[in-house]
All heavy atoms as atom14 arrays in JSON, in Angstrom:
{
  "sequence": "INEIKEVYAKAKAFDEIKEHMKEINDEFKGNINEIHR",
  "atom14_mask": [
    [1, 1, 1, 1, 1, 1, 1, 1, 0, 0, 0, 0, 0, 0],
    [1, 1, 1, 1, 1, 1, 1, 1, 0, 0, 0, 0, 0, 0],
    [1, 1, 1, 1, 1, 1, 1, 1, 1, 0, 0, 0, 0, 0],
    [1, 1, 1, 1, 1, 1, 1, 1, 0, 0, 0, 0, 0, 0],
    [1, 1, 1, 1, 1, 1, 1, 1, 1, 0, 0, 0, 0, 0],
    [1, 1, 1, 1, 1, 1, 1, 1, 1, 0, 0, 0, 0, 0],
    [1, 1, 1, 1, 1, 1, 1, 0, 0, 0, 0, 0, 0, 0],
    [1, 1, 1, 1, 1, 1, 1, 1, 1, 1, 1, 1, 0, 0],
    [1, 1, 1, 1, 1, 0, 0, 0, 0, 0, 0, 0, 0, 0],
    [1, 1, 1, 1, 1, 1, 1, 1, 1, 0, 0, 0, 0, 0],
    [1, 1, 1, 1, 1, 0, 0, 0, 0, 0, 0, 0, 0, 0],
    [1, 1, 1, 1, 1, 1, 1, 1, 1, 0, 0, 0, 0, 0],
    [1, 1, 1, 1, 1, 0, 0, 0, 0, 0, 0, 0, 0, 0],
    [1, 1, 1, 1, 1, 1, 1, 1, 1, 1, 1, 0, 0, 0],
    [1, 1, 1, 1, 1, 1, 1, 1, 0, 0, 0, 0, 0, 0],
    [1, 1, 1, 1, 1, 1, 1, 1, 1, 0, 0, 0, 0, 0],
    [1, 1, 1, 1, 1, 1, 1, 1, 0, 0, 0, 0, 0, 0],
    [1, 1, 1, 1, 1, 1, 1, 1, 1, 0, 0, 0, 0, 0],
    [1, 1, 1, 1, 1, 1, 1, 1, 1, 0, 0, 0, 0, 0],
    [1, 1, 1, 1, 1, 1, 1, 1, 1, 1, 0, 0, 0, 0],
    [1, 1, 1, 1, 1, 1, 1, 1, 0, 0, 0, 0, 0, 0],
    [1, 1, 1, 1, 1, 1, 1, 1, 1, 0, 0, 0, 0, 0],
    [1, 1, 1, 1, 1, 1, 1, 1, 1, 0, 0, 0, 0, 0],
    [1, 1, 1, 1, 1, 1, 1, 1, 0, 0, 0, 0, 0, 0],
    [1, 1, 1, 1, 1, 1, 1, 1, 0, 0, 0, 0, 0, 0],
    [1, 1, 1, 1, 1, 1, 1, 1, 0, 0, 0, 0, 0, 0],
    [1, 1, 1, 1, 1, 1, 1, 1, 1, 0, 0, 0, 0, 0],
    [1, 1, 1, 1, 1, 1, 1, 1, 1, 1, 1, 0, 0, 0],
    [1, 1, 1, 1, 1, 1, 1, 1, 1, 0, 0, 0, 0, 0],
    [1, 1, 1, 1, 0, 0, 0, 0, 0, 0, 0, 0, 0, 0],
    [1, 1, 1, 1, 1, 1, 1, 1, 0, 0, 0, 0, 0, 0],
    [1, 1, 1, 1, 1, 1, 1, 1, 0, 0, 0, 0, 0, 0],
    [1, 1, 1, 1, 1, 1, 1, 1, 0, 0, 0, 0, 0, 0],
    [1, 1, 1, 1, 1, 1, 1, 1, 1, 0, 0, 0, 0, 0],
    [1, 1, 1, 1, 1, 1, 1, 1, 0, 0, 0, 0, 0, 0],
    [1, 1, 1, 1, 1, 1, 1, 1, 1, 1, 0, 0, 0, 0],
    [1, 1, 1, 1, 1, 1, 1, 1, 1, 1, 1, 0, 0, 0]
  ],
  "atom14_positions": [
    [[-12.51, 19.03, 16.19], [-12.98, 17.65, 15.98], [-12.85, 17.27, 14.51], [-12.43, 16.15, 14.18], [-14.43, 17.48, 16.49], [-14.5, 17.73, 18.0], [-14.98, 16.11, 16.13], [-13.56, 16.89, 18.84], [0.0, 0.0, 0.0], [0.0, 0.0, 0.0], [0.0, 0.0, 0.0], [0.0, 0.0, 0.0], [0.0, 0.0, 0.0], [0.0, 0.0, 0.0]],
    [[-13.17, 18.19, 13.61], [-13.02, 17.9, 12.18], [-11.56, 17.67, 11.81], [-11.26, 16.84, 10.94], [-13.62, 19.02, 11.33], [-15.13, 18.97, 11.34], [-15.73, 17.92, 11.56], [-15.77, 20.11, 11.1], [0.0, 0.0, 0.0], [0.0, 0.0, 0.0], [0.0, 0.0, 0.0], [0.0, 0.0, 0.0], [0.0, 0.0, 0.0], [0.0, 0.0, 0.0]],
    [[-10.66, 18.4, 12.45], [-9.22, 18.18, 12.21], [-8.82, 16.78, 12.63], [-8.06, 16.1, 11.93], [-8.38, 19.22, 12.96], [-8.42, 20.6, 12.37], [-7.68, 20.7, 11.04], [-6.64, 20.02, 10.87], [-8.15, 21.46, 10.19], [0.0, 0.0, 0.0], [0.0, 0.0, 0.0], [0.0, 0.0, 0.0], [0.0, 0.0, 0.0], [0.0, 0.0, 0.0]],
    [[-9.32, 16.34, 13.78], [-9.01, 14.98, 14.25], [-9.55, 13.96, 13.26], [-8.85, 13.01, 12.89], [-9.6, 14.75, 15.66], [-8.87, 15.63, 16.68], [-9.52, 13.27, 16.05], [-9.49, 15.65, 18.05], [0.0, 0.0, 0.0], [0.0, 0.0, 0.0], [0.0, 0.0, 0.0], [0.0, 0.0, 0.0], [0.0, 0.0, 0.0], [0.0, 0.0, 0.0]],
    [[-10.78, 14.15, 12.8], [-11.37, 13.24, 11.81], [-10.53, 13.2, 10.54], [-10.3, 12.14, 9.97], [-12.8, 13.66, 11.48], [-13.8, 13.42, 12.58], [-15.18, 13.92, 12.15], [-16.21, 13.76, 13.23], [-17.52, 14.28, 12.83], [0.0, 0.0, 0.0], [0.0, 0.0, 0.0], [0.0, 0.0, 0.0], [0.0, 0.0, 0.0], [0.0, 0.0, 0.0]],
    [[-10.07, 14.37, 10.1], [-9.27, 14.46, 8.89], [-7.93, 13.73, 9.05], [-7.5, 13.03, 8.14], [-9.03, 15.92, 8.52], [-8.34, 16.1, 7.19], [-8.19, 17.56, 6.8], [-9.01, 18.39, 7.22], [-7.24, 17.85, 6.07], [0.0, 0.0, 0.0], [0.0, 0.0, 0.0], [0.0, 0.0, 0.0], [0.0, 0.0, 0.0], [0.0, 0.0, 0.0]],
    [[-7.32, 13.9, 10.2], [-6.05, 13.2, 10.46], [-6.24, 11.69, 10.38], [-5.47, 10.99, 9.73], [-5.46, 13.61, 11.83], [-4.35, 12.66, 12.26], [-4.96, 15.04, 11.78], [0.0, 0.0, 0.0], [0.0, 0.0, 0.0], [0.0, 0.0, 0.0], [0.0, 0.0, 0.0], [0.0, 0.0, 0.0], [0.0, 0.0, 0.0], [0.0, 0.0, 0.0]],
    [[-7.29, 11.2, 11.02], [-7.57, 9.77, 10.98], [-7.91, 9.31, 9.55], [-7.47, 8.25, 9.12], [-8.68, 9.39, 11.95], [-8.14, 9.05, 13.32], [-8.04, 10.03, 14.29], [-7.72, 7.77, 13.63], [-7.53, 9.73, 15.55], [-7.21, 7.46, 14.87], [-7.12, 8.44, 15.82], [-6.6, 8.13, 17.05], [0.0, 0.0, 0.0], [0.0, 0.0, 0.0]],
    [[-8.67, 10.09, 8.82], [-9.02, 9.72, 7.45], [-7.77, 9.65, 6.57], [-7.61, 8.72, 5.78], [-10.02, 10.73, 6.87], [0.0, 0.0, 0.0], [0.0, 0.0, 0.0], [0.0, 0.0, 0.0], [0.0, 0.0, 0.0], [0.0, 0.0, 0.0], [0.0, 0.0, 0.0], [0.0, 0.0, 0.0], [0.0, 0.0, 0.0], [0.0, 0.0, 0.0]],
    [[-6.88, 10.63, 6.72], [-5.64, 10.62, 5.93], [-4.75, 9.45, 6.32], [-4.14, 8.82, 5.47], [-4.9, 11.95, 6.1], [-5.55, 13.09, 5.37], [-4.81, 14.39, 5.59], [-5.47, 15.54, 4.83], [-4.78, 16.81, 5.06], [0.0, 0.0, 0.0], [0.0, 0.0, 0.0], [0.0, 0.0, 0.0], [0.0, 0.0, 0.0], [0.0, 0.0, 0.0]],
    [[-4.68, 9.17, 7.61], [-3.87, 8.04, 8.07], [-4.41, 6.72, 7.52], [-3.64, 5.86, 7.08], [-3.82, 8.01, 9.59], [0.0, 0.0, 0.0], [0.0, 0.0, 0.0], [0.0, 0.0, 0.0], [0.0, 0.0, 0.0], [0.0, 0.0, 0.0], [0.0, 0.0, 0.0], [0.0, 0.0, 0.0], [0.0, 0.0, 0.0], [0.0, 0.0, 0.0]],
    [[-5.73, 6.58, 7.54], [-6.34, 5.36, 7.0], [-6.05, 5.24, 5.51], [-5.69, 4.16, 5.02], [-7.85, 5.36, 7.24], [-8.23, 5.13, 8.68], [-9.75, 5.24, 8.86], [-10.13, 5.16, 10.31], [-11.58, 5.34, 10.52], [0.0, 0.0, 0.0], [0.0, 0.0, 0.0], [0.0, 0.0, 0.0], [0.0, 0.0, 0.0], [0.0, 0.0, 0.0]],
    [[-6.18, 6.33, 4.78], [-5.91, 6.32, 3.34], [-4.45, 5.98, 3.08], [-4.13, 5.18, 2.19], [-6.26, 7.67, 2.72], [0.0, 0.0, 0.0], [0.0, 0.0, 0.0], [0.0, 0.0, 0.0], [0.0, 0.0, 0.0], [0.0, 0.0, 0.0], [0.0, 0.0, 0.0], [0.0, 0.0, 0.0], [0.0, 0.0, 0.0], [0.0, 0.0, 0.0]],
    [[-3.55, 6.56, 3.86], [-2.12, 6.28, 3.7], [-1.84, 4.8, 3.95], [-1.11, 4.17, 3.2], [-1.29, 7.14, 4.65], [0.17, 6.85, 4.59], [0.94, 7.35, 3.54], [0.78, 6.08, 5.55], [2.29, 7.07, 3.47], [2.14, 5.8, 5.49], [2.9, 6.3, 4.44], [0.0, 0.0, 0.0], [0.0, 0.0, 0.0], [0.0, 0.0, 0.0]],
    [[-2.43, 4.23, 5.0], [-2.22, 2.82, 5.3], [-2.77, 1.92, 4.2], [-2.17, 0.9, 3.87], [-2.84, 2.45, 6.65], [-2.01, 2.95, 7.82], [-0.88, 3.42, 7.61], [-2.51, 2.88, 8.97], [0.0, 0.0, 0.0], [0.0, 0.0, 0.0], [0.0, 0.0, 0.0], [0.0, 0.0, 0.0], [0.0, 0.0, 0.0], [0.0, 0.0, 0.0]],
    [[-3.9, 2.31, 3.61], [-4.45, 1.53, 2.5], [-3.53, 1.6, 1.28], [-3.3, 0.59, 0.61], [-5.85, 2.04, 2.14], [-6.9, 1.69, 3.16], [-8.26, 2.27, 2.85], [-8.5, 2.69, 1.69], [-9.1, 2.31, 3.76], [0.0, 0.0, 0.0], [0.0, 0.0, 0.0], [0.0, 0.0, 0.0], [0.0, 0.0, 0.0], [0.0, 0.0, 0.0]],
    [[-2.99, 2.77, 1.01], [-2.05, 2.93, -0.11], [-0.8, 2.11, 0.15], [-0.29, 1.42, -0.74], [-1.71, 4.42, -0.34], [-2.93, 5.15, -0.9], [-0.51, 4.58, -1.26], [-2.8, 6.66, -0.9], [0.0, 0.0, 0.0], [0.0, 0.0, 0.0], [0.0, 0.0, 0.0], [0.0, 0.0, 0.0], [0.0, 0.0, 0.0], [0.0, 0.0, 0.0]],
    [[-0.3, 2.17, 1.39], [0.9, 1.42, 1.75], [0.67, -0.08, 1.56], [1.54, -0.78, 1.02], [1.28, 1.74, 3.2], [2.63, 1.22, 3.61], [3.1, 1.81, 4.93], [2.24, 1.38, 6.08], [2.78, 1.78, 7.39], [0.0, 0.0, 0.0], [0.0, 0.0, 0.0], [0.0, 0.0, 0.0], [0.0, 0.0, 0.0], [0.0, 0.0, 0.0]],
    [[-0.49, -0.57, 1.98], [-0.81, -1.99, 1.81], [-0.91, -2.35, 0.33], [-0.41, -3.4, -0.09], [-2.12, -2.33, 2.53], [-2.52, -3.78, 2.43], [-1.51, -4.73, 3.04], [-0.84, -4.37, 4.02], [-1.4, -5.87, 2.52], [0.0, 0.0, 0.0], [0.0, 0.0, 0.0], [0.0, 0.0, 0.0], [0.0, 0.0, 0.0], [0.0, 0.0, 0.0]],
    [[-1.53, -1.48, -0.45], [-1.64, -1.72, -1.89], [-0.25, -1.75, -2.54], [0.03, -2.6, -3.4], [-2.52, -0.65, -2.54], [-2.81, -0.91, -3.98], [-3.55, -1.98, -4.43], [-2.43, -0.23, -5.09], [-3.61, -1.95, -5.74], [-2.94, -0.9, -6.16], [0.0, 0.0, 0.0], [0.0, 0.0, 0.0], [0.0, 0.0, 0.0], [0.0, 0.0, 0.0]],
    [[0.62, -0.84, -2.13], [1.98, -0.81, -2.68], [2.74, -2.09, -2.32], [3.5, -2.61, -3.12], [2.74, 0.42, -2.18], [2.21, 1.73, -2.71], [2.24, 1.84, -4.51], [3.99, 1.87, -4.8], [0.0, 0.0, 0.0], [0.0, 0.0, 0.0], [0.0, 0.0, 0.0], [0.0, 0.0, 0.0], [0.0, 0.0, 0.0], [0.0, 0.0, 0.0]],
    [[2.5, -2.61, -1.11], [3.15, -3.86, -0.7], [2.66, -5.0, -1.6], [3.46, -5.84, -2.03], [2.83, -4.16, 0.76], [3.51, -5.4, 1.3], [3.08, -5.68, 2.73], [3.66, -6.96, 3.27], [3.42, -8.14, 2.47], [0.0, 0.0, 0.0], [0.0, 0.0, 0.0], [0.0, 0.0, 0.0], [0.0, 0.0, 0.0], [0.0, 0.0, 0.0]],
    [[1.37, -5.03, -1.89], [0.82, -6.06, -2.77], [1.44, -5.97, -4.16], [1.8, -6.99, -4.76], [-0.7, -5.94, -2.86], [-1.42, -6.29, -1.58], [-2.9, -5.95, -1.62], [-3.42, -5.58, -2.69], [-3.54, -6.05, -0.55], [0.0, 0.0, 0.0], [0.0, 0.0, 0.0], [0.0, 0.0, 0.0], [0.0, 0.0, 0.0], [0.0, 0.0, 0.0]],
    [[1.56, -4.74, -4.68], [2.17, -4.54, -5.99], [3.62, -5.0, -5.97], [4.09, -5.68, -6.89], [2.07, -3.07, -6.43], [0.62, -2.72, -6.75], [2.97, -2.78, -7.62], [0.36, -1.24, -6.97], [0.0, 0.0, 0.0], [0.0, 0.0, 0.0], [0.0, 0.0, 0.0], [0.0, 0.0, 0.0], [0.0, 0.0, 0.0], [0.0, 0.0, 0.0]],
    [[4.34, -4.65, -4.9], [5.74, -5.04, -4.78], [5.87, -6.57, -4.74], [6.75, -7.14, -5.39], [6.35, -4.41, -3.53], [7.84, -4.62, -3.44], [8.55, -4.47, -4.43], [8.32, -4.95, -2.26], [0.0, 0.0, 0.0], [0.0, 0.0, 0.0], [0.0, 0.0, 0.0], [0.0, 0.0, 0.0], [0.0, 0.0, 0.0], [0.0, 0.0, 0.0]],
    [[5.0, -7.23, -3.97], [5.03, -8.68, -3.89], [4.75, -9.31, -5.26], [5.4, -10.28, -5.65], [4.02, -9.2, -2.86], [4.41, -8.85, -1.44], [5.57, -8.44, -1.21], [3.55, -8.98, -0.54], [0.0, 0.0, 0.0], [0.0, 0.0, 0.0], [0.0, 0.0, 0.0], [0.0, 0.0, 0.0], [0.0, 0.0, 0.0], [0.0, 0.0, 0.0]],
    [[3.8, -8.74, -5.97], [3.47, -9.24, -7.31], [4.65, -9.04, -8.25], [5.0, -9.91, -9.04], [2.24, -8.53, -7.86], [1.77, -9.08, -9.18], [0.5, -8.4, -9.67], [-0.34, -8.02, -8.84], [0.37, -8.24, -10.89], [0.0, 0.0, 0.0], [0.0, 0.0, 0.0], [0.0, 0.0, 0.0], [0.0, 0.0, 0.0], [0.0, 0.0, 0.0]],
    [[5.29, -7.88, -8.16], [6.46, -7.58, -8.98], [7.57, -8.59, -8.7], [8.18, -9.12, -9.62], [6.95, -6.15, -8.72], [8.19, -5.79, -9.46], [8.13, -5.5, -10.82], [9.41, -5.73, -8.81], [9.28, -5.16, -11.52], [10.56, -5.39, -9.48], [10.5, -5.11, -10.85], [0.0, 0.0, 0.0], [0.0, 0.0, 0.0], [0.0, 0.0, 0.0]],
    [[7.83, -8.86, -7.42], [8.86, -9.84, -7.05], [8.53, -11.2, -7.62], [9.41, -11.92, -8.1], [9.01, -9.91, -5.53], [9.75, -8.76, -4.93], [9.86, -8.92, -3.42], [10.53, -7.73, -2.79], [10.55, -7.83, -1.31], [0.0, 0.0, 0.0], [0.0, 0.0, 0.0], [0.0, 0.0, 0.0], [0.0, 0.0, 0.0], [0.0, 0.0, 0.0]],
    [[7.26, -11.57, -7.56], [6.83, -12.84, -8.13], [7.07, -12.89, -9.63], [7.52, -13.89, -10.17], [0.0, 0.0, 0.0], [0.0, 0.0, 0.0], [0.0, 0.0, 0.0], [0.0, 0.0, 0.0], [0.0, 0.0, 0.0], [0.0, 0.0, 0.0], [0.0, 0.0, 0.0], [0.0, 0.0, 0.0], [0.0, 0.0, 0.0], [0.0, 0.0, 0.0]],
    [[6.79, -11.77, -10.32], [7.02, -11.72, -11.77], [8.5, -11.79, -12.09], [8.9, -12.47, -13.04], [6.42, -10.44, -12.36], [4.91, -10.45, -12.37], [4.29, -11.5, -12.28], [4.31, -9.28, -12.46], [0.0, 0.0, 0.0], [0.0, 0.0, 0.0], [0.0, 0.0, 0.0], [0.0, 0.0, 0.0], [0.0, 0.0, 0.0], [0.0, 0.0, 0.0]],
    [[9.33, -11.09, -11.3], [10.79, -11.14, -11.51], [11.29, -12.56, -11.31], [12.11, -13.05, -12.1], [11.51, -10.15, -10.55], [11.21, -8.72, -10.95], [13.0, -10.4, -10.51], [11.78, -8.31, -12.3], [0.0, 0.0, 0.0], [0.0, 0.0, 0.0], [0.0, 0.0, 0.0], [0.0, 0.0, 0.0], [0.0, 0.0, 0.0], [0.0, 0.0, 0.0]],
    [[10.82, -13.22, -10.27], [11.24, -14.6, -10.02], [10.84, -15.51, -11.18], [11.61, -16.39, -11.58], [10.66, -15.12, -8.7], [11.28, -14.46, -7.5], [12.37, -13.91, -7.57], [10.58, -14.5, -6.37], [0.0, 0.0, 0.0], [0.0, 0.0, 0.0], [0.0, 0.0, 0.0], [0.0, 0.0, 0.0], [0.0, 0.0, 0.0], [0.0, 0.0, 0.0]],
    [[9.65, -15.29, -11.72], [9.2, -16.1, -12.86], [10.05, -15.82, -14.09], [10.42, -16.74, -14.83], [7.72, -15.8, -13.15], [7.14, -16.58, -14.31], [7.06, -18.08, -14.06], [7.26, -18.53, -12.92], [6.82, -18.82, -15.03], [0.0, 0.0, 0.0], [0.0, 0.0, 0.0], [0.0, 0.0, 0.0], [0.0, 0.0, 0.0], [0.0, 0.0, 0.0]],
    [[10.41, -14.56, -14.32], [11.28, -14.2, -15.45], [12.64, -14.87, -15.3], [13.18, -15.44, -16.26], [11.42, -12.67, -15.57], [10.1, -12.07, -16.06], [12.57, -12.29, -16.49], [10.03, -10.56, -15.97], [0.0, 0.0, 0.0], [0.0, 0.0, 0.0], [0.0, 0.0, 0.0], [0.0, 0.0, 0.0], [0.0, 0.0, 0.0], [0.0, 0.0, 0.0]],
    [[13.2, -14.82, -14.08], [14.5, -15.47, -13.85], [14.41, -16.97, -14.08], [15.33, -17.57, -14.67], [14.98, -15.19, -12.43], [15.46, -13.79, -12.24], [15.72, -13.26, -11.02], [15.74, -12.79, -13.11], [16.13, -12.02, -11.13], [16.13, -11.7, -12.41], [0.0, 0.0, 0.0], [0.0, 0.0, 0.0], [0.0, 0.0, 0.0], [0.0, 0.0, 0.0]],
    [[13.32, -17.56, -13.65], [13.13, -19.0, -13.86], [13.07, -19.32, -15.35], [13.74, -20.24, -15.84], [11.86, -19.48, -13.17], [11.67, -21.0, -13.21], [10.31, -21.4, -12.68], [9.23, -21.01, -13.56], [8.91, -21.61, -14.71], [9.61, -22.65, -15.15], [7.88, -21.2, -15.44], [0.0, 0.0, 0.0], [0.0, 0.0, 0.0], [0.0, 0.0, 0.0]]
  ]
}
């Protein structure tokens, strides 16, 4: 049961990191577009 909990905890953490990376990427694209402008 603890292994199952750990798998879910790691998956949740990974998804949060992935979402944060997407936000950073979107912000970076916005900055690049502003620089080009």
